[in-house]
Amino acid sequence: MVFKTLAQFVVLGCPWILGFFTNGRKELEILFLILNSQQGTFIFLIYCVLNNEVWQQYKKFFRCLCCIKQH
């Protein structure tokens, strides 16, 4: 839970800190936009892809698919 909290803090906080210091520099503005547009992707990775319970369900699902294909 601590990892998820820290990761969410980084994903949601750091781009805004970067955005505060852009001062009209186009490179930083573009980086700010890219990071903010990918926040949903990062949260999905943290809460779904890196979650053991979700991985167990994926394994169970793919085992069922393999069994169906063999029959």
N, C-alpha and C. Protein backbone atom coordinates (compact mmCIF):
# COMPACT_ATOMS: atom_id res chain seq x y z
N MET A 1 0.81 -1.19 0.00
CA MET A 1 0.00 0.00 0.00
C MET A 1 0.86 1.26 0.00
N VAL A 2 2.01 1.20 0.67
CA VAL A 2 2.91 2.35 0.71
C VAL A 2 3.47 2.61 -0.68
N PHE A 3 3.80 1.54 -1.41
CA PHE A 3 4.31 1.70 -2.78
C PHE A 3 3.27 2.39 -3.65
N LYS A 4 2.01 1.97 -3.55
CA LYS A 4 0.96 2.58 -4.37
C LYS A 4 0.77 4.05 -4.01
N THR A 5 0.84 4.36 -2.74
CA THR A 5 0.67 5.75 -2.31
C THR A 5 1.81 6.62 -2.82
N LEU A 6 3.04 6.15 -2.67
CA LEU A 6 4.18 6.92 -3.15
C LEU A 6 4.18 7.05 -4.68
N ALA A 7 3.83 5.97 -5.35
CA ALA A 7 3.78 6.02 -6.81
C ALA A 7 2.71 6.99 -7.28
N GLN A 8 1.56 6.98 -6.62
CA GLN A 8 0.50 7.90 -7.01
C GLN A 8 0.91 9.35 -6.72
N PHE A 9 1.61 9.58 -5.65
CA PHE A 9 2.12 10.91 -5.35
C PHE A 9 3.05 11.40 -6.46
N VAL A 10 3.94 10.53 -6.91
CA VAL A 10 4.89 10.89 -7.97
C VAL A 10 4.14 11.14 -9.29
N VAL A 11 3.22 10.22 -9.63
CA VAL A 11 2.49 10.33 -10.90
C VAL A 11 1.65 11.60 -10.95
N LEU A 12 0.99 11.93 -9.85
CA LEU A 12 0.10 13.09 -9.86
C LEU A 12 0.79 14.40 -9.48
N GLY A 13 1.87 14.32 -8.70
CA GLY A 13 2.49 15.54 -8.20
C GLY A 13 3.62 16.08 -9.04
N CYS A 14 4.49 15.22 -9.49
CA CYS A 14 5.69 15.70 -10.19
C CYS A 14 5.40 16.46 -11.48
N PRO A 15 4.46 16.02 -12.31
CA PRO A 15 4.20 16.83 -13.51
C PRO A 15 3.75 18.25 -13.20
N TRP A 16 3.00 18.42 -12.11
CA TRP A 16 2.55 19.76 -11.77
C TRP A 16 3.67 20.61 -11.21
N ILE A 17 4.61 20.00 -10.52
CA ILE A 17 5.79 20.74 -10.08
C ILE A 17 6.58 21.19 -11.30
N LEU A 18 6.72 20.29 -12.27
CA LEU A 18 7.39 20.63 -13.52
C LEU A 18 6.64 21.76 -14.23
N GLY A 19 5.31 21.68 -14.27
CA GLY A 19 4.50 22.71 -14.92
C GLY A 19 4.64 24.07 -14.27
N PHE A 20 4.88 24.09 -12.98
CA PHE A 20 5.06 25.35 -12.27
C PHE A 20 6.34 26.06 -12.70
N PHE A 21 7.35 25.29 -13.08
CA PHE A 21 8.66 25.87 -13.42
C PHE A 21 8.90 25.97 -14.94
N THR A 22 7.88 25.86 -15.76
CA THR A 22 8.10 25.91 -17.21
C THR A 22 8.55 27.29 -17.67
N ASN A 23 7.95 28.34 -17.14
CA ASN A 23 8.32 29.73 -17.48
C ASN A 23 8.40 29.98 -18.98
N GLY A 24 7.47 29.42 -19.73
CA GLY A 24 7.41 29.68 -21.16
C GLY A 24 8.37 28.87 -22.00
N ARG A 25 9.11 27.95 -21.41
CA ARG A 25 10.02 27.10 -22.19
C ARG A 25 9.21 26.00 -22.84
N LYS A 26 9.26 25.94 -24.16
CA LYS A 26 8.43 25.01 -24.93
C LYS A 26 8.75 23.55 -24.62
N GLU A 27 10.02 23.23 -24.41
CA GLU A 27 10.39 21.83 -24.15
C GLU A 27 9.73 21.34 -22.86
N LEU A 28 9.78 22.16 -21.82
CA LEU A 28 9.18 21.77 -20.55
C LEU A 28 7.66 21.74 -20.63
N GLU A 29 7.08 22.64 -21.41
CA GLU A 29 5.62 22.63 -21.59
C GLU A 29 5.16 21.35 -22.28
N ILE A 30 5.92 20.93 -23.29
CA ILE A 30 5.58 19.70 -24.01
C ILE A 30 5.73 18.49 -23.08
N LEU A 31 6.79 18.44 -22.31
CA LEU A 31 7.00 17.36 -21.35
C LEU A 31 5.88 17.35 -20.30
N PHE A 32 5.48 18.52 -19.84
CA PHE A 32 4.37 18.65 -18.90
C PHE A 32 3.08 18.08 -19.49
N LEU A 33 2.79 18.44 -20.73
CA LEU A 33 1.57 17.94 -21.39
C LEU A 33 1.60 16.43 -21.56
N ILE A 34 2.74 15.89 -21.96
CA ILE A 34 2.85 14.44 -22.16
C ILE A 34 2.65 13.70 -20.84
N LEU A 35 3.32 14.17 -19.79
CA LEU A 35 3.18 13.50 -18.49
C LEU A 35 1.76 13.58 -17.95
N ASN A 36 1.12 14.73 -18.09
CA ASN A 36 -0.25 14.87 -17.61
C ASN A 36 -1.24 14.04 -18.42
N SER A 37 -1.00 13.92 -19.70
CA SER A 37 -1.91 13.13 -20.53
C SER A 37 -1.78 11.64 -20.26
N GLN A 38 -0.68 11.21 -19.68
CA GLN A 38 -0.46 9.79 -19.41
C GLN A 38 -0.73 9.40 -17.95
N GLN A 39 -1.27 10.29 -17.16
CA GLN A 39 -1.52 9.97 -15.76
C GLN A 39 -2.46 8.79 -15.60
N GLY A 40 -3.49 8.70 -16.41
CA GLY A 40 -4.41 7.57 -16.34
C GLY A 40 -3.72 6.26 -16.65
N THR A 41 -2.83 6.29 -17.62
CA THR A 41 -2.06 5.09 -17.97
C THR A 41 -1.18 4.66 -16.81
N PHE A 42 -0.52 5.61 -16.17
CA PHE A 42 0.34 5.29 -15.04
C PHE A 42 -0.46 4.72 -13.87
N ILE A 43 -1.61 5.29 -13.61
CA ILE A 43 -2.45 4.79 -12.51
C ILE A 43 -2.94 3.38 -12.83
N PHE A 44 -3.32 3.11 -14.08
CA PHE A 44 -3.71 1.76 -14.49
C PHE A 44 -2.57 0.78 -14.26
N LEU A 45 -1.37 1.16 -14.63
CA LEU A 45 -0.21 0.28 -14.43
C LEU A 45 0.01 -0.01 -12.95
N ILE A 46 -0.10 1.01 -12.12
CA ILE A 46 0.16 0.84 -10.69
C ILE A 46 -0.91 -0.03 -10.04
N TYR A 47 -2.18 0.23 -10.33
CA TYR A 47 -3.25 -0.46 -9.61
C TYR A 47 -3.70 -1.77 -10.27
N CYS A 48 -3.44 -1.97 -11.54
CA CYS A 48 -3.89 -3.19 -12.20
C CYS A 48 -2.74 -4.11 -12.60
N VAL A 49 -1.79 -3.60 -13.33
CA VAL A 49 -0.72 -4.45 -13.85
C VAL A 49 0.22 -4.90 -12.73
N LEU A 50 0.50 -4.04 -11.77
CA LEU A 50 1.42 -4.39 -10.70
C LEU A 50 0.73 -5.00 -9.47
N ASN A 51 -0.54 -5.38 -9.62
CA ASN A 51 -1.31 -5.94 -8.52
C ASN A 51 -1.30 -7.47 -8.59
N ASN A 52 -0.92 -8.13 -7.51
CA ASN A 52 -0.84 -9.59 -7.50
C ASN A 52 -2.19 -10.26 -7.68
N GLU A 53 -3.23 -9.69 -7.10
CA GLU A 53 -4.56 -10.28 -7.24
C GLU A 53 -5.01 -10.28 -8.70
N VAL A 54 -4.72 -9.21 -9.40
CA VAL A 54 -5.08 -9.13 -10.81
C VAL A 54 -4.28 -10.15 -11.61
N TRP A 55 -2.99 -10.31 -11.30
CA TRP A 55 -2.16 -11.30 -12.00
C TRP A 55 -2.69 -12.71 -11.77
N GLN A 56 -3.16 -13.00 -10.58
CA GLN A 56 -3.72 -14.33 -10.30
C GLN A 56 -4.96 -14.58 -11.16
N GLN A 57 -5.78 -13.56 -11.33
CA GLN A 57 -6.97 -13.71 -12.17
C GLN A 57 -6.60 -13.88 -13.64
N TYR A 58 -5.58 -13.15 -14.09
CA TYR A 58 -5.10 -13.33 -15.47
C TYR A 58 -4.62 -14.75 -15.69
N LYS A 59 -3.84 -15.29 -14.76
CA LYS A 59 -3.34 -16.66 -14.88
C LYS A 59 -4.49 -17.65 -14.95
N LYS A 60 -5.46 -17.46 -14.08
CA LYS A 60 -6.63 -18.34 -14.05
C LYS A 60 -7.39 -18.28 -15.39
N PHE A 61 -7.55 -17.07 -15.91
CA PHE A 61 -8.26 -16.88 -17.17
C PHE A 61 -7.53 -17.55 -18.33
N PHE A 62 -6.21 -17.35 -18.42
CA PHE A 62 -5.45 -17.92 -19.52
C PHE A 62 -5.34 -19.44 -19.42
N ARG A 63 -5.33 -19.98 -18.20
CA ARG A 63 -5.35 -21.43 -18.05
C ARG A 63 -6.65 -21.99 -18.60
N CYS A 64 -7.76 -21.30 -18.33
CA CYS A 64 -9.05 -21.75 -18.86
C CYS A 64 -9.06 -21.68 -20.39
N LEU A 65 -8.47 -20.64 -20.95
CA LEU A 65 -8.41 -20.52 -22.41
C LEU A 65 -7.58 -21.65 -23.01
N CYS A 66 -6.48 -21.99 -22.38
CA CYS A 66 -5.63 -23.08 -22.89
C CYS A 66 -6.36 -24.40 -22.83
N CYS A 67 -7.12 -24.62 -21.76
CA CYS A 67 -7.86 -25.88 -21.62
C CYS A 67 -8.95 -26.00 -22.68
N ILE A 68 -9.59 -24.88 -22.98
CA ILE A 68 -10.65 -24.91 -24.00
C ILE A 68 -10.07 -25.18 -25.37
N LYS A 69 -8.93 -24.59 -25.70
CA LYS A 69 -8.30 -24.80 -27.01
C LYS A 69 -7.84 -26.23 -27.19
N GLN A 70 -7.42 -26.90 -26.12
CA GLN A 70 -6.93 -28.28 -26.21
C GLN A 70 -8.06 -29.27 -26.45
N HIS A 71 -9.27 -28.94 -26.05
CA HIS A 71 -10.40 -29.87 -26.20
C HIS A 71 -11.08 -29.64 -27.48
